[in-house]
Amino acid sequence: MEDKLITREQARKFLKSNKLQEGMSIEDAFVNSFKDVLQEMLEAEIDNKLGYSKYDWKNKKTQNSRNGHTSKTVRSRFGRVKVQIPRDTTGEFEPVTVKKHQRTIADSIDDMVIGMYAKGMSNRDITDHLQRIYGLDVSAEMITRITDKVLPLAREWQNRPLEPIYPIVYLDGMVFNVVQDGAVTKKTAYIIYGVNIEGRKEILGIWIGEHESSKFWMGVLTDFRNRGVEDMLIACIDGLKGFEDAIKAVYPKTEIQRCIVHQIRYSTRFVSYRDRKEFCSDMKAIYTAPNTTEGERALDAFEDRWGSRYQYAVKSWRNNWESLSTFFRYPPEIRRLIYTTNPIENFNRVVRKVTKNKGSFPTEDSLFKLLYLVVLDTTQKQLYVRGWAEIINQLGVHFGERVEIYMGGETIGN
């Protein structure tokens, strides 16, 4: 049986009994019906409190009695509703249906505001929406105070313990405008996305800073170490400055794979439009090679043809070849996972959608709490890497004990 709040037959009976034809009259009828239900709930509450119904004096076993009603107007999804709050002679009765001092029985104002903020609505848009739909007067300052309640939770999340190993970790950065000292400045939100030993994907943390450096990344990875991460097998990066040096210092055994897609984009920046098609075709032969040896041969041929004309594009491949060619060591299933940081792009896409109408953020905290809310929204479903059982076994063969010790004592393949 379908679980419905109201059946089609009940709706027809409701319309017929109230002689409703127009949208406005239907809305008014809903308000009245809602008011009646609300009032019945309040009366039931005081019946329960006193232990007898209004006219059932025979069962009265208390000195407390009803003492009339107090009128109160509350806001709801159906508009403003006037109800009569029952009173008792001792003043002990406190209804739950409409609590003391409560002025709205819509969803929690805090929940509504935070939900709208998480979808990228500005403080002004939220204020207008609450006024138009619920008749609530909520200032922009109040909205800031409400959304700031997220910050302690966000910081707790940022500092939560992590798992001892993440076989694959991705790093990427997104640039935002943030007001600082009265001026708009560019700040980058660095996002680290990991795959745990069971193949589950999760955002491990978000760090906001102005400049990339080995010192900055050393702090991030030291934080990782302090939060329980003992090992990372492969780190996929987009050429972040200073990150490779920091990895070698904190996790010296971690293998580094530079994002091939980012490398292609960088290389083509130096190429004129008329040469781009042939240039990309020759470049493709490098990263689609079956192994490192063939990749190096393709790179030599690429340099022979384009090195004199587009020196910077070719030089970039040469200078970063060690970290660009890491994926050649692995079978296709792992290659597809690590040759690019695109697995983090789904999260980035949601962030861009939410922030596209925001010219700038008033503070770093305002940016951080929004990104945290996006994390909550995008990780409600547990996402797992497809075909992970085969992949973790391949990683186990390659890394041996570094994987086996986290597999419950079982040897990979058994």
Protein backbone atom coordinates (compact mmCIF):
# COMPACT_ATOMS: atom_id res chain seq x y z
CA MET A 1 0.00 0.00 0.00
CA GLU A 2 1.28 3.45 -0.89
CA ASP A 3 2.16 5.67 2.06
CA LYS A 4 0.28 8.92 1.37
CA LEU A 5 -0.63 11.77 3.66
CA ILE A 6 -3.99 12.07 1.93
CA THR A 7 -5.69 9.83 -0.61
CA ARG A 8 -7.36 11.05 -3.80
CA GLU A 9 -10.77 10.07 -2.39
CA GLN A 10 -10.14 12.03 0.80
CA ALA A 11 -9.08 15.05 -1.24
CA ARG A 12 -12.28 14.90 -3.31
CA LYS A 13 -14.39 14.59 -0.16
CA PHE A 14 -12.55 17.55 1.38
CA LEU A 15 -13.16 19.73 -1.70
CA LYS A 16 -16.82 18.70 -1.92
CA SER A 17 -17.60 19.21 1.78
CA ASN A 18 -16.02 22.66 1.73
CA LYS A 19 -17.51 23.57 -1.67
CA LEU A 20 -14.08 24.58 -2.94
CA GLN A 21 -13.37 25.60 -6.50
CA GLU A 22 -10.76 28.36 -6.41
CA GLY A 23 -7.14 28.11 -5.33
CA MET A 24 -7.49 30.83 -2.68
CA SER A 25 -10.52 29.17 -1.10
CA ILE A 26 -8.67 25.86 -1.02
CA GLU A 27 -5.75 27.51 0.76
CA ASP A 28 -8.12 29.12 3.29
CA ALA A 29 -9.77 25.76 3.94
CA PHE A 30 -6.39 24.16 4.57
CA VAL A 31 -5.54 26.91 7.06
CA ASN A 32 -8.81 26.34 8.90
CA SER A 33 -8.40 22.58 8.89
CA PHE A 34 -4.83 22.90 10.07
CA LYS A 35 -5.99 25.27 12.82
CA ASP A 36 -8.63 22.75 13.96
CA VAL A 37 -6.10 19.90 14.10
CA LEU A 38 -3.66 22.10 16.00
CA GLN A 39 -6.33 23.10 18.50
CA GLU A 40 -7.35 19.48 19.05
CA MET A 41 -3.72 18.58 19.73
CA LEU A 42 -3.46 21.36 22.33
CA GLU A 43 -6.68 20.23 24.04
CA ALA A 44 -5.44 16.62 24.06
CA GLU A 45 -2.23 17.78 25.70
CA ILE A 46 -3.98 19.47 28.62
CA ASP A 47 -6.33 16.47 28.99
CA ASN A 48 -3.23 14.32 29.38
CA LYS A 49 -1.65 16.77 31.80
CA LEU A 50 -4.68 16.95 34.09
CA GLY A 51 -5.69 13.31 33.72
CA TYR A 52 -9.30 13.95 32.70
CA SER A 53 -11.16 15.40 29.73
CA LYS A 54 -12.98 18.72 29.82
CA TYR A 55 -16.38 17.36 30.98
CA ASP A 56 -15.23 14.19 32.74
CA TRP A 57 -15.32 15.47 36.33
CA LYS A 58 -15.89 11.98 37.76
CA ASN A 59 -12.32 10.96 36.91
CA LYS A 60 -10.68 14.12 38.21
CA LYS A 61 -7.92 13.17 40.69
CA THR A 62 -6.02 16.47 40.93
CA GLN A 63 -6.49 19.89 42.51
CA ASN A 64 -5.32 21.48 39.26
CA SER A 65 -7.99 22.63 36.79
CA ARG A 66 -8.42 24.30 33.43
CA ASN A 67 -8.17 28.07 33.52
CA GLY A 68 -9.35 29.26 30.13
CA HIS A 69 -7.20 29.99 27.09
CA THR A 70 -4.71 32.51 25.79
CA SER A 71 -4.87 33.59 22.15
CA LYS A 72 -1.68 33.18 20.15
CA THR A 73 -0.86 33.64 16.48
CA VAL A 74 1.80 31.39 15.00
CA ARG A 75 3.21 31.17 11.50
CA SER A 76 3.05 27.97 9.51
CA ARG A 77 3.44 26.66 5.98
CA PHE A 78 -0.20 27.64 5.46
CA GLY A 79 0.27 31.21 6.68
CA ARG A 80 -0.64 32.79 10.03
CA VAL A 81 -2.82 30.66 12.30
CA LYS A 82 -4.58 31.87 15.45
CA VAL A 83 -4.90 29.24 18.19
CA GLN A 84 -6.14 29.16 21.78
CA ILE A 85 -3.47 27.92 24.19
CA PRO A 86 -5.08 26.12 27.19
CA ARG A 87 -4.09 27.25 30.68
CA ASP A 88 -4.23 25.55 34.07
CA THR A 89 -4.72 27.11 37.51
CA THR A 90 -1.24 26.21 38.77
CA GLY A 91 0.58 27.46 35.65
CA GLU A 92 2.41 24.16 35.25
CA PHE A 93 1.05 23.28 31.80
CA GLU A 94 3.56 23.83 28.97
CA PRO A 95 2.32 22.49 25.63
CA VAL A 96 4.65 20.70 23.25
CA THR A 97 2.59 21.27 20.09
CA VAL A 98 3.12 25.02 20.35
CA LYS A 99 5.88 25.66 22.87
CA LYS A 100 6.13 28.67 25.12
CA HIS A 101 7.48 31.69 23.17
CA GLN A 102 7.29 29.71 19.93
CA ARG A 103 6.14 31.91 17.05
CA THR A 104 6.41 29.50 14.15
CA ILE A 105 5.52 25.86 13.70
CA ALA A 106 7.09 25.58 10.29
CA ASP A 107 10.30 23.63 10.11
CA SER A 108 12.89 25.00 12.47
CA ILE A 109 13.92 28.46 11.32
CA ASP A 110 17.54 27.48 11.85
CA ASP A 111 17.13 24.39 9.66
CA MET A 112 15.40 26.39 6.94
CA VAL A 113 18.03 29.13 6.94
CA ILE A 114 20.94 26.68 6.92
CA GLY A 115 19.27 24.64 4.17
CA MET A 116 18.84 27.70 1.96
CA TYR A 117 22.37 28.90 2.72
CA ALA A 118 23.72 25.48 1.71
CA LYS A 119 22.03 25.88 -1.69
CA GLY A 120 23.94 29.11 -2.30
CA MET A 121 21.22 31.64 -1.46
CA SER A 122 22.52 34.99 -0.23
CA ASN A 123 21.49 36.44 3.14
CA ARG A 124 19.26 38.94 1.34
CA ASP A 125 17.58 36.20 -0.73
CA ILE A 126 16.93 34.17 2.42
CA THR A 127 15.46 37.22 4.18
CA ASP A 128 13.13 37.91 1.23
CA HIS A 129 12.08 34.26 1.00
CA LEU A 130 11.21 33.95 4.69
CA GLN A 131 9.22 37.18 4.60
CA ARG A 132 7.32 36.26 1.43
CA ILE A 133 6.51 32.64 2.28
CA TYR A 134 6.26 32.59 6.06
CA GLY A 135 5.80 36.23 6.98
CA LEU A 136 8.95 36.05 9.10
CA ASP A 137 11.08 39.13 9.65
CA VAL A 138 14.61 37.78 9.82
CA SER A 139 17.49 40.21 9.38
CA ALA A 140 20.68 39.46 7.45
CA GLU A 141 22.57 39.71 10.73
CA MET A 142 20.34 37.04 12.28
CA ILE A 143 20.92 34.79 9.29
CA THR A 144 24.67 35.16 9.80
CA ARG A 145 24.28 34.26 13.48
CA ILE A 146 22.21 31.21 12.57
CA THR A 147 24.63 29.93 9.91
CA ASP A 148 27.57 30.61 12.24
CA LYS A 149 26.16 27.82 14.43
CA VAL A 150 27.51 25.49 11.74
CA LEU A 151 31.12 26.59 12.36
CA PRO A 152 31.76 24.54 15.53
CA LEU A 153 30.43 21.45 13.75
CA ALA A 154 32.52 22.25 10.68
CA ARG A 155 35.67 22.63 12.76
CA GLU A 156 34.91 19.41 14.62
CA TRP A 157 34.54 17.68 11.24
CA GLN A 158 37.80 19.22 10.02
CA ASN A 159 39.63 17.87 13.08
CA ARG A 160 37.93 14.46 13.25
CA PRO A 161 40.09 11.32 13.45
CA LEU A 162 40.87 9.78 10.06
CA GLU A 163 41.52 6.20 9.06
CA PRO A 164 45.07 4.78 9.24
CA ILE A 165 45.43 4.32 5.48
CA TYR A 166 44.01 5.89 2.33
CA PRO A 167 45.25 3.93 -0.69
CA ILE A 168 44.43 6.80 -3.07
CA VAL A 169 44.24 10.49 -2.25
CA TYR A 170 43.33 13.36 -4.59
CA LEU A 171 44.16 17.02 -4.10
CA ASP A 172 42.71 19.99 -5.89
CA GLY A 173 42.14 23.68 -5.35
CA MET A 174 39.35 26.14 -6.16
CA VAL A 175 39.77 29.92 -6.16
CA PHE A 176 37.23 32.24 -4.52
CA ASN A 177 36.91 35.96 -3.84
CA VAL A 178 37.05 36.73 -0.12
CA VAL A 179 36.89 40.14 1.56
CA GLN A 180 39.92 40.79 3.74
CA ASP A 181 40.85 44.11 5.37
CA GLY A 182 38.15 45.85 3.36
CA ALA A 183 39.39 44.60 -0.01
CA VAL A 184 38.50 41.60 -2.17
CA THR A 185 41.34 39.11 -2.45
CA LYS A 186 41.79 35.72 -4.11
CA LYS A 187 41.86 32.74 -1.79
CA THR A 188 42.14 29.09 -2.66
CA ALA A 189 40.18 26.34 -0.96
CA TYR A 190 42.35 23.23 -1.08
CA ILE A 191 40.29 20.06 -0.96
CA ILE A 192 41.64 16.61 -0.16
CA TYR A 193 39.54 13.66 -1.24
CA GLY A 194 40.42 10.11 -0.27
CA VAL A 195 39.50 6.50 -0.94
CA ASN A 196 39.73 4.28 2.12
CA ILE A 197 40.75 0.63 2.35
CA GLU A 198 37.15 -0.44 1.66
CA GLY A 199 36.88 1.70 -1.47
CA ARG A 200 34.65 4.37 0.09
CA LYS A 201 35.20 7.94 -1.11
CA GLU A 202 35.13 10.91 1.25
CA ILE A 203 36.30 14.49 1.59
CA LEU A 204 39.07 14.38 4.18
CA GLY A 205 39.42 18.10 4.75
CA ILE A 206 39.31 21.65 3.40
CA TRP A 207 42.04 24.24 3.89
CA ILE A 208 41.76 27.88 2.84
CA GLY A 209 44.93 29.86 2.10
CA GLU A 210 46.43 32.50 -0.16
CA HIS A 211 49.67 30.89 -1.29
CA GLU A 212 50.81 27.36 -1.91
CA SER A 213 54.16 26.47 -0.40
CA SER A 214 56.02 23.50 1.03
CA LYS A 215 55.49 24.99 4.50
CA PHE A 216 51.72 25.24 3.95
CA TRP A 217 51.43 21.65 2.72
CA MET A 218 53.75 20.41 5.45
CA GLY A 219 51.23 21.78 7.96
CA VAL A 220 48.36 20.04 6.18
CA LEU A 221 50.11 16.67 6.04
CA THR A 222 51.33 16.97 9.63
CA ASP A 223 47.69 17.53 10.55
CA PHE A 224 46.87 14.35 8.63
CA ARG A 225 49.50 12.44 10.55
CA ASN A 226 48.21 13.75 13.88
CA ARG A 227 44.67 12.73 12.95
CA GLY A 228 45.71 9.12 12.48
CA VAL A 229 46.71 8.75 8.81
CA GLU A 230 49.71 6.41 8.85
CA ASP A 231 50.03 5.82 5.12
CA MET A 232 48.90 7.03 1.71
CA LEU A 233 49.83 4.83 -1.23
CA ILE A 234 49.25 7.16 -4.20
CA ALA A 235 48.63 10.92 -4.18
CA CYS A 236 47.07 12.43 -7.29
CA ILE A 237 47.76 16.15 -7.61
CA ASP A 238 47.27 18.93 -10.13
CA GLY A 239 50.75 20.41 -9.91
CA LEU A 240 50.22 22.17 -6.58
CA LYS A 241 53.36 24.10 -5.68
CA GLY A 242 55.33 22.64 -2.81
CA PHE A 243 53.13 19.61 -2.31
CA GLU A 244 55.55 17.01 -3.68
CA ASP A 245 58.29 18.19 -1.30
CA ALA A 246 55.89 18.06 1.65
CA ILE A 247 54.76 14.52 0.76
CA LYS A 248 58.35 13.32 0.55
CA ALA A 249 59.02 14.78 3.99
CA VAL A 250 55.93 13.44 5.82
CA TYR A 251 55.01 10.34 3.76
CA PRO A 252 58.25 9.44 1.94
CA LYS A 253 56.88 6.14 0.57
CA THR A 254 53.84 7.72 -1.11
CA GLU A 255 53.90 7.64 -4.91
CA ILE A 256 52.89 10.84 -6.68
CA GLN A 257 50.89 11.07 -9.88
CA ARG A 258 50.47 14.46 -11.51
CA CYS A 259 47.13 14.96 -13.22
CA ILE A 260 47.51 14.25 -16.94
CA VAL A 261 44.44 16.34 -17.78
CA HIS A 262 45.90 19.39 -16.03
CA GLN A 263 49.20 18.79 -17.83
CA ILE A 264 47.45 18.70 -21.22
CA ARG A 265 45.62 21.94 -20.46
CA TYR A 266 48.85 23.60 -19.36
CA SER A 267 50.76 22.45 -22.46
CA THR A 268 48.14 23.63 -24.96
CA ARG A 269 48.23 27.14 -23.49
CA PHE A 270 51.50 27.68 -25.41
CA VAL A 271 50.27 26.32 -28.75
CA SER A 272 48.72 28.33 -31.56
CA TYR A 273 45.28 27.29 -32.73
CA ARG A 274 46.47 26.15 -36.18
CA ASP A 275 48.90 23.59 -34.65
CA ARG A 276 46.75 22.46 -31.77
CA LYS A 277 45.11 19.43 -33.41
CA GLU A 278 48.41 17.82 -34.51
CA PHE A 279 50.14 18.86 -31.29
CA CYS A 280 47.46 17.16 -29.16
CA SER A 281 47.56 14.06 -31.33
CA ASP A 282 51.31 13.67 -30.77
CA MET A 283 50.91 14.44 -27.08
CA LYS A 284 48.19 11.77 -26.76
CA ALA A 285 50.72 9.14 -27.88
CA ILE A 286 52.66 9.87 -24.67
CA TYR A 287 49.97 9.24 -22.08
CA THR A 288 48.24 6.39 -23.93
CA ALA A 289 51.45 4.40 -24.27
CA PRO A 290 51.30 0.86 -22.82
CA ASN A 291 54.30 1.33 -20.52
CA THR A 292 56.98 3.76 -19.36
CA THR A 293 59.46 2.79 -22.08
CA GLU A 294 57.00 3.44 -24.89
CA GLY A 295 55.86 6.62 -23.17
CA GLU A 296 59.44 7.92 -23.12
CA ARG A 297 59.85 7.09 -26.81
CA ALA A 298 56.65 9.00 -27.59
CA LEU A 299 57.95 11.92 -25.51
CA ASP A 300 61.25 11.90 -27.46
CA ALA A 301 59.34 12.01 -30.75
CA PHE A 302 57.10 14.74 -29.36
CA GLU A 303 60.14 16.82 -28.39
CA ASP A 304 61.87 16.28 -31.75
CA ARG A 305 58.85 17.64 -33.59
CA TRP A 306 57.65 20.43 -31.28
CA GLY A 307 60.55 21.23 -28.96
CA SER A 308 61.98 24.12 -30.99
CA ARG A 309 58.59 25.72 -31.68
CA TYR A 310 56.89 25.22 -28.30
CA GLN A 311 59.74 24.88 -25.85
CA TYR A 312 57.79 25.56 -22.64
CA ALA A 313 55.10 23.01 -23.45
CA VAL A 314 57.63 20.22 -24.05
CA LYS A 315 59.88 21.30 -21.19
CA SER A 316 57.00 20.91 -18.74
CA TRP A 317 56.61 17.24 -19.71
CA ARG A 318 60.36 16.67 -19.32
CA ASN A 319 60.66 18.41 -15.96
CA ASN A 320 57.70 16.55 -14.43
CA TRP A 321 58.09 13.22 -16.18
CA GLU A 322 58.84 11.27 -12.98
CA SER A 323 55.46 12.15 -11.44
CA LEU A 324 53.58 12.22 -14.77
CA SER A 325 54.61 8.64 -15.61
CA THR A 326 53.75 6.97 -12.27
CA PHE A 327 50.49 5.50 -13.60
CA PHE A 328 52.39 3.40 -16.18
CA ARG A 329 53.39 1.06 -13.33
CA TYR A 330 49.84 -0.12 -12.79
CA PRO A 331 47.19 -2.16 -14.63
CA PRO A 332 44.36 -0.34 -16.46
CA GLU A 333 41.91 -0.50 -13.52
CA ILE A 334 44.25 1.55 -11.33
CA ARG A 335 45.43 3.79 -14.18
CA ARG A 336 41.88 4.97 -14.76
CA LEU A 337 41.64 5.97 -11.11
CA ILE A 338 44.89 7.88 -10.74
CA TYR A 339 45.88 9.48 -14.05
CA THR A 340 43.67 12.48 -13.32
CA THR A 341 42.17 14.30 -10.33
CA ASN A 342 38.78 14.25 -12.08
CA PRO A 343 37.21 11.99 -9.39
CA ILE A 344 37.06 15.10 -7.23
CA GLU A 345 35.37 17.06 -10.02
CA ASN A 346 31.87 15.91 -9.03
CA PHE A 347 32.30 17.70 -5.72
CA ASN A 348 33.83 20.73 -7.42
CA ARG A 349 30.89 20.85 -9.83
CA VAL A 350 28.43 21.07 -6.94
CA VAL A 351 30.52 23.79 -5.30
CA ARG A 352 30.58 25.84 -8.51
CA LYS A 353 26.81 25.50 -8.85
CA VAL A 354 26.23 26.65 -5.28
CA THR A 355 28.70 29.55 -5.44
CA LYS A 356 28.12 30.79 -9.00
CA ASN A 357 25.95 33.73 -7.89
CA LYS A 358 28.27 34.81 -5.09
CA GLY A 359 30.58 37.62 -6.13
CA SER A 360 32.62 37.32 -2.95
CA PHE A 361 32.50 35.97 0.58
CA PRO A 362 32.61 38.43 3.50
CA THR A 363 35.00 36.21 5.50
CA GLU A 364 36.99 32.99 5.25
CA ASP A 365 34.60 31.49 7.79
CA SER A 366 31.61 32.18 5.52
CA LEU A 367 33.36 30.32 2.69
CA PHE A 368 34.42 27.45 4.94
CA LYS A 369 30.97 26.86 6.43
CA LEU A 370 29.39 26.82 2.95
CA LEU A 371 31.93 24.29 1.68
CA TYR A 372 31.29 22.17 4.78
CA LEU A 373 27.54 22.22 4.08
CA VAL A 374 28.22 21.13 0.49
CA VAL A 375 30.29 18.25 1.88
CA LEU A 376 27.34 17.17 4.04
CA ASP A 377 24.99 17.43 1.08
CA THR A 378 27.19 15.46 -1.32
CA THR A 379 28.26 12.71 1.09
CA GLN A 380 24.82 11.68 2.36
CA LYS A 381 25.15 8.65 0.11
CA GLN A 382 28.06 6.33 0.73
CA LEU A 383 29.98 6.32 -2.56
CA TYR A 384 32.27 3.44 -3.39
CA VAL A 385 34.77 2.91 -6.19
CA ARG A 386 33.39 0.50 -8.75
CA GLY A 387 35.34 -2.74 -8.98
CA TRP A 388 37.28 -1.97 -5.80
CA ALA A 389 37.79 -5.63 -4.81
CA GLU A 390 39.96 -6.17 -7.89
CA ILE A 391 41.75 -2.84 -7.46
CA ILE A 392 42.68 -3.38 -3.79
CA ASN A 393 44.08 -6.79 -4.68
CA GLN A 394 46.21 -5.20 -7.41
CA LEU A 395 47.40 -2.57 -4.94
CA GLY A 396 48.15 -5.36 -2.48
CA VAL A 397 50.41 -7.08 -5.01
CA HIS A 398 52.22 -3.82 -5.73
CA PHE A 399 52.58 -2.52 -2.14
CA GLY A 400 52.61 -5.81 -0.22
CA GLU A 401 52.60 -5.45 3.58
CA ARG A 402 51.67 -1.76 3.40
CA VAL A 403 48.20 -2.93 2.35
CA GLU A 404 48.04 -6.33 4.06
CA ILE A 405 48.45 -4.98 7.61
CA TYR A 406 45.21 -3.01 7.17
CA MET A 407 43.22 -5.92 5.76
CA GLY A 408 42.39 -7.61 9.06
CA GLY A 409 45.49 -9.80 9.01
CA GLU A 410 44.49 -11.52 5.76
CA THR A 411 46.90 -11.86 2.90
CA ILE A 412 45.74 -10.18 -0.29
CA GLY A 413 44.30 -12.76 -2.66
CA ASN A 414 43.30 -15.24 0.05
